[in-house]
Amino acid sequence: MLKTLIIIPAYNESHNIRKAIEDIKKNSPEADYIVINDGSTDNTFEVLNHYNYNYINGFQNQGLFGAVQTGFKWALLNDYDVAIQFDGDGQHSAEYIREMVNAVEEGYDIVIGSRFVNEKKPWTSRMIGSRLLSFAIKMVTGKTIKDPTSGFRAYGKKCIASYARDMNNPPEPDTLVCMLKNGRKIKEIQVYMNEREFGESYLNLSNAIKYMSRMIISILLIQPFRKVDK
């Protein structure tokens, strides 16, 4: 398997992080992992330290992109072939990592762990937002991304460098447009995600509306015109 780093951003995941890491150690032991403790105010740091897990400890909350970018910088510094974004809340399953890495080895630059390759996307309020993002991406690029909001992704070397070096290039749905416009190849593979056992997502209704609005504006008006390093 290609040299692989699993990046696990964690903010107040003391109840979930052990499950996520043990899943990786069991189902993808050949991959390395690094937890980015993003200024947690609970005892996430104590859990990481107690079990001697691999981590970088942040002293203030940078937000998801800041944490993930720290992981990309670590992957670039240590010459990894693949970086995988993997949630610390236990929703992602490490059993799919080998398939994602294999797709990168086949020549894909980004591999998305998608809930909707073989499964039909439901008509919930949250999935309506996802449908709008998919439609906007299709309109701008001609490419279909069925699960643009999935945070379970694998990135090849070119994308690792792009995301590590560019503060304006967060691994969000909108920057998939930039990547496609710059010739990056994207593949989706079917995955099944677990329910979060502890804690809550920050995406309540109000935040979800703001997020989707920002993403759509960026997809239509900003990302098609951005360039990334070749």
Protein backbone atom coordinates (compact mmCIF):
# COMPACT_ATOMS: atom_id res chain seq x y z
CA MET A 1 0.00 0.00 0.00
CA LEU A 2 1.15 3.54 -0.70
CA LYS A 3 2.60 5.46 2.23
CA THR A 4 -0.57 6.73 3.88
CA LEU A 5 -1.33 9.20 6.64
CA ILE A 6 -4.78 9.35 8.24
CA ILE A 7 -5.52 12.87 9.51
CA ILE A 8 -8.01 13.00 12.39
CA PRO A 9 -9.17 16.50 13.38
CA ALA A 10 -10.59 16.43 16.90
CA TYR A 11 -12.39 19.10 18.87
CA ASN A 12 -13.96 17.94 22.15
CA GLU A 13 -14.05 14.29 21.08
CA SER A 14 -12.95 12.71 24.35
CA HIS A 15 -15.84 10.21 24.24
CA ASN A 16 -15.35 9.29 20.56
CA ILE A 17 -11.66 9.53 19.72
CA ARG A 18 -10.58 6.21 21.16
CA LYS A 19 -13.18 4.36 19.09
CA ALA A 20 -11.98 6.11 15.91
CA ILE A 21 -8.32 5.33 16.52
CA GLU A 22 -8.88 1.71 17.53
CA ASP A 23 -10.94 1.25 14.34
CA ILE A 24 -7.96 2.48 12.31
CA LYS A 25 -5.49 0.29 14.19
CA LYS A 26 -7.71 -2.75 13.64
CA ASN A 27 -8.81 -2.23 10.02
CA SER A 28 -5.92 -0.26 8.51
CA PRO A 29 -2.81 -1.09 10.57
CA GLU A 30 -0.45 -0.46 7.64
CA ALA A 31 -1.41 3.25 7.58
CA ASP A 32 -0.04 5.91 9.91
CA TYR A 33 -2.36 8.29 11.71
CA ILE A 34 -2.10 11.65 13.43
CA VAL A 35 -4.76 13.28 15.61
CA ILE A 36 -4.90 17.08 15.48
CA ASN A 37 -6.26 18.10 18.86
CA ASP A 38 -7.83 21.41 17.86
CA GLY A 39 -7.77 23.29 21.15
CA SER A 40 -10.27 20.96 22.83
CA THR A 41 -11.73 22.21 26.10
CA ASP A 42 -12.74 18.76 27.35
CA ASN A 43 -10.26 15.99 28.23
CA THR A 44 -9.46 14.92 24.65
CA PHE A 45 -5.79 15.72 25.29
CA GLU A 46 -5.77 13.54 28.41
CA VAL A 47 -7.25 10.61 26.48
CA LEU A 48 -4.66 10.97 23.70
CA ASN A 49 -1.85 11.19 26.20
CA HIS A 50 -3.11 8.34 28.40
CA TYR A 51 -3.30 5.85 25.52
CA ASN A 52 -0.07 7.12 23.93
CA TYR A 53 -1.80 7.93 20.63
CA ASN A 54 -0.04 9.91 17.91
CA TYR A 55 -1.15 13.53 18.07
CA ILE A 56 -0.31 17.17 17.51
CA ASN A 57 -1.70 19.32 20.30
CA GLY A 58 -3.20 22.67 19.29
CA PHE A 59 -3.45 25.29 22.01
CA GLN A 60 -6.35 27.15 20.39
CA ASN A 61 -9.25 26.20 18.19
CA GLN A 62 -8.40 26.74 14.51
CA GLY A 63 -11.60 25.28 13.10
CA LEU A 64 -11.86 22.23 10.88
CA PHE A 65 -9.74 23.55 8.04
CA GLY A 66 -6.95 24.77 10.29
CA ALA A 67 -6.78 21.37 11.96
CA VAL A 68 -6.89 19.42 8.72
CA GLN A 69 -4.34 21.72 7.08
CA THR A 70 -1.98 21.03 9.97
CA GLY A 71 -2.29 17.36 9.05
CA PHE A 72 -1.63 18.11 5.37
CA LYS A 73 1.50 20.02 6.33
CA TRP A 74 2.66 17.02 8.36
CA ALA A 75 1.94 14.72 5.40
CA LEU A 76 3.88 17.00 3.03
CA LEU A 77 6.80 17.33 5.43
CA ASN A 78 7.04 13.56 5.81
CA ASP A 79 6.56 12.73 2.12
CA TYR A 80 3.33 10.74 2.33
CA ASP A 81 1.77 9.51 -0.91
CA VAL A 82 -1.80 9.66 0.41
CA ALA A 83 -3.52 11.72 3.10
CA ILE A 84 -6.94 10.68 4.36
CA GLN A 85 -9.30 13.01 6.17
CA PHE A 86 -11.05 10.95 8.84
CA ASP A 87 -13.48 12.27 11.45
CA GLY A 88 -12.72 11.84 15.13
CA ASP A 89 -16.38 11.37 16.06
CA GLY A 90 -16.59 7.71 15.05
CA GLN A 91 -18.80 8.20 11.99
CA HIS A 92 -16.21 7.08 9.44
CA SER A 93 -15.14 3.44 9.10
CA ALA A 94 -11.51 2.48 8.49
CA GLU A 95 -12.55 -0.64 6.57
CA TYR A 96 -12.81 1.52 3.41
CA ILE A 97 -9.33 3.03 3.63
CA ARG A 98 -7.56 0.39 1.55
CA GLU A 99 -10.08 0.78 -1.30
CA MET A 100 -9.62 4.55 -1.21
CA VAL A 101 -5.83 4.24 -1.29
CA ASN A 102 -6.07 1.78 -4.18
CA ALA A 103 -8.08 4.35 -6.15
CA VAL A 104 -5.35 6.96 -5.58
CA GLU A 105 -2.82 4.41 -6.77
CA GLU A 106 -4.92 3.98 -9.92
CA GLY A 107 -4.41 7.67 -10.69
CA TYR A 108 -7.22 9.53 -8.93
CA ASP A 109 -6.25 12.69 -7.07
CA ILE A 110 -9.24 12.80 -4.70
CA VAL A 111 -11.32 9.84 -3.58
CA ILE A 112 -14.53 10.61 -1.73
CA GLY A 113 -16.12 8.13 0.64
CA SER A 114 -19.65 8.65 -0.63
CA ARG A 115 -22.91 7.57 0.94
CA PHE A 116 -24.73 7.76 -2.38
CA VAL A 117 -22.87 5.85 -5.08
CA ASN A 118 -25.23 2.89 -4.88
CA GLU A 119 -27.71 4.28 -2.37
CA LYS A 120 -30.41 6.84 -3.15
CA LYS A 121 -30.02 10.23 -1.50
CA PRO A 122 -33.00 10.91 0.82
CA TRP A 123 -35.14 14.03 0.61
CA THR A 124 -34.32 15.35 4.07
CA SER A 125 -33.68 19.05 4.65
CA ARG A 126 -29.95 18.43 5.00
CA MET A 127 -29.82 16.32 1.84
CA ILE A 128 -31.69 18.98 -0.11
CA GLY A 129 -28.72 21.20 0.60
CA SER A 130 -26.40 18.45 -0.61
CA ARG A 131 -28.46 18.11 -3.79
CA LEU A 132 -28.13 21.85 -4.42
CA LEU A 133 -24.36 21.63 -4.04
CA SER A 134 -24.20 18.65 -6.41
CA PHE A 135 -26.30 20.57 -8.96
CA ALA A 136 -24.08 23.67 -8.69
CA ILE A 137 -20.91 21.60 -9.12
CA LYS A 138 -22.42 19.83 -12.13
CA MET A 139 -23.47 23.14 -13.68
CA VAL A 140 -19.99 24.62 -13.38
CA THR A 141 -17.80 21.58 -14.14
CA GLY A 142 -20.02 19.09 -15.96
CA LYS A 143 -19.01 16.49 -13.37
CA THR A 144 -21.35 14.74 -10.95
CA ILE A 145 -20.33 14.59 -7.30
CA LYS A 146 -23.06 12.69 -5.46
CA ASP A 147 -21.86 13.34 -1.92
CA PRO A 148 -20.00 16.68 -1.95
CA THR A 149 -20.34 17.22 1.81
CA SER A 150 -18.64 13.96 2.80
CA GLY A 151 -15.59 14.67 4.95
CA PHE A 152 -14.20 11.18 4.38
CA ARG A 153 -11.69 11.74 1.59
CA ALA A 154 -8.32 10.51 0.34
CA TYR A 155 -5.90 12.86 -1.41
CA GLY A 156 -2.90 12.14 -3.61
CA LYS A 157 0.41 13.98 -3.51
CA LYS A 158 -0.55 16.91 -5.73
CA CYS A 159 -3.58 17.67 -3.60
CA ILE A 160 -1.65 17.24 -0.37
CA ALA A 161 0.71 19.99 -1.53
CA SER A 162 -2.15 22.24 -2.67
CA TYR A 163 -4.10 21.94 0.56
CA ALA A 164 -0.99 22.22 2.76
CA ARG A 165 0.31 25.41 1.17
CA ASP A 166 -2.81 27.40 0.30
CA MET A 167 -4.76 29.05 3.12
CA ASN A 168 -7.57 29.77 0.63
CA ASN A 169 -8.01 26.13 -0.32
CA PRO A 170 -9.91 24.34 2.48
CA PRO A 171 -11.04 20.74 1.84
CA GLU A 172 -14.68 21.78 1.44
CA PRO A 173 -17.28 21.03 -1.28
CA ASP A 174 -16.59 24.27 -3.13
CA THR A 175 -12.88 23.63 -3.66
CA LEU A 176 -13.73 20.41 -5.48
CA VAL A 177 -14.70 22.76 -8.32
CA CYS A 178 -11.27 24.37 -8.25
CA MET A 179 -9.63 20.95 -8.30
CA LEU A 180 -11.75 19.72 -11.20
CA LYS A 181 -11.14 22.92 -13.16
CA ASN A 182 -7.41 22.39 -12.66
CA GLY A 183 -7.48 18.86 -14.04
CA ARG A 184 -7.63 16.84 -10.82
CA LYS A 185 -9.42 13.50 -11.11
CA ILE A 186 -12.09 12.67 -8.54
CA LYS A 187 -13.71 9.33 -7.78
CA GLU A 188 -16.45 8.36 -5.32
CA ILE A 189 -16.66 4.99 -3.64
CA GLN A 190 -19.64 3.69 -1.69
CA VAL A 191 -19.25 3.78 2.09
CA TYR A 192 -21.62 3.47 5.00
CA MET A 193 -21.28 5.84 7.92
CA ASN A 194 -22.03 5.34 11.59
CA GLU A 195 -24.17 7.57 13.75
CA ARG A 196 -22.36 9.85 16.16
CA GLU A 197 -22.62 8.31 19.66
CA PHE A 198 -21.61 11.32 21.75
CA GLY A 199 -21.68 15.07 21.25
CA GLU A 200 -23.43 17.12 18.60
CA SER A 201 -22.57 18.43 15.15
CA TYR A 202 -22.15 22.19 14.87
CA LEU A 203 -24.39 22.15 11.79
CA ASN A 204 -27.73 23.15 13.28
CA LEU A 205 -30.37 24.58 10.93
CA SER A 206 -29.08 28.14 11.09
CA ASN A 207 -25.46 27.17 10.55
CA ALA A 208 -26.41 24.74 7.79
CA ILE A 209 -28.23 27.46 5.83
CA LYS A 210 -25.27 29.83 6.17
CA TYR A 211 -22.85 27.08 5.18
CA MET A 212 -24.79 26.01 2.09
CA SER A 213 -25.25 29.62 0.96
CA ARG A 214 -21.54 30.30 1.28
CA MET A 215 -20.65 27.09 -0.56
CA ILE A 216 -22.98 27.78 -3.49
CA ILE A 217 -21.74 31.37 -3.93
CA SER A 218 -18.15 30.09 -3.90
CA ILE A 219 -18.92 27.27 -6.37
CA LEU A 220 -20.57 29.61 -8.86
CA LEU A 221 -18.51 32.79 -8.54
CA ILE A 222 -15.07 32.04 -7.08
CA GLN A 223 -13.77 28.50 -7.51
CA PRO A 224 -14.09 28.21 -11.32
CA PHE A 225 -11.49 30.97 -11.67
CA ARG A 226 -8.90 29.84 -9.12
CA LYS A 227 -5.62 28.19 -10.01
CA VAL A 228 -3.63 25.65 -8.03
CA ASP A 229 0.03 24.74 -8.30
CA LYS A 230 0.69 22.01 -10.84
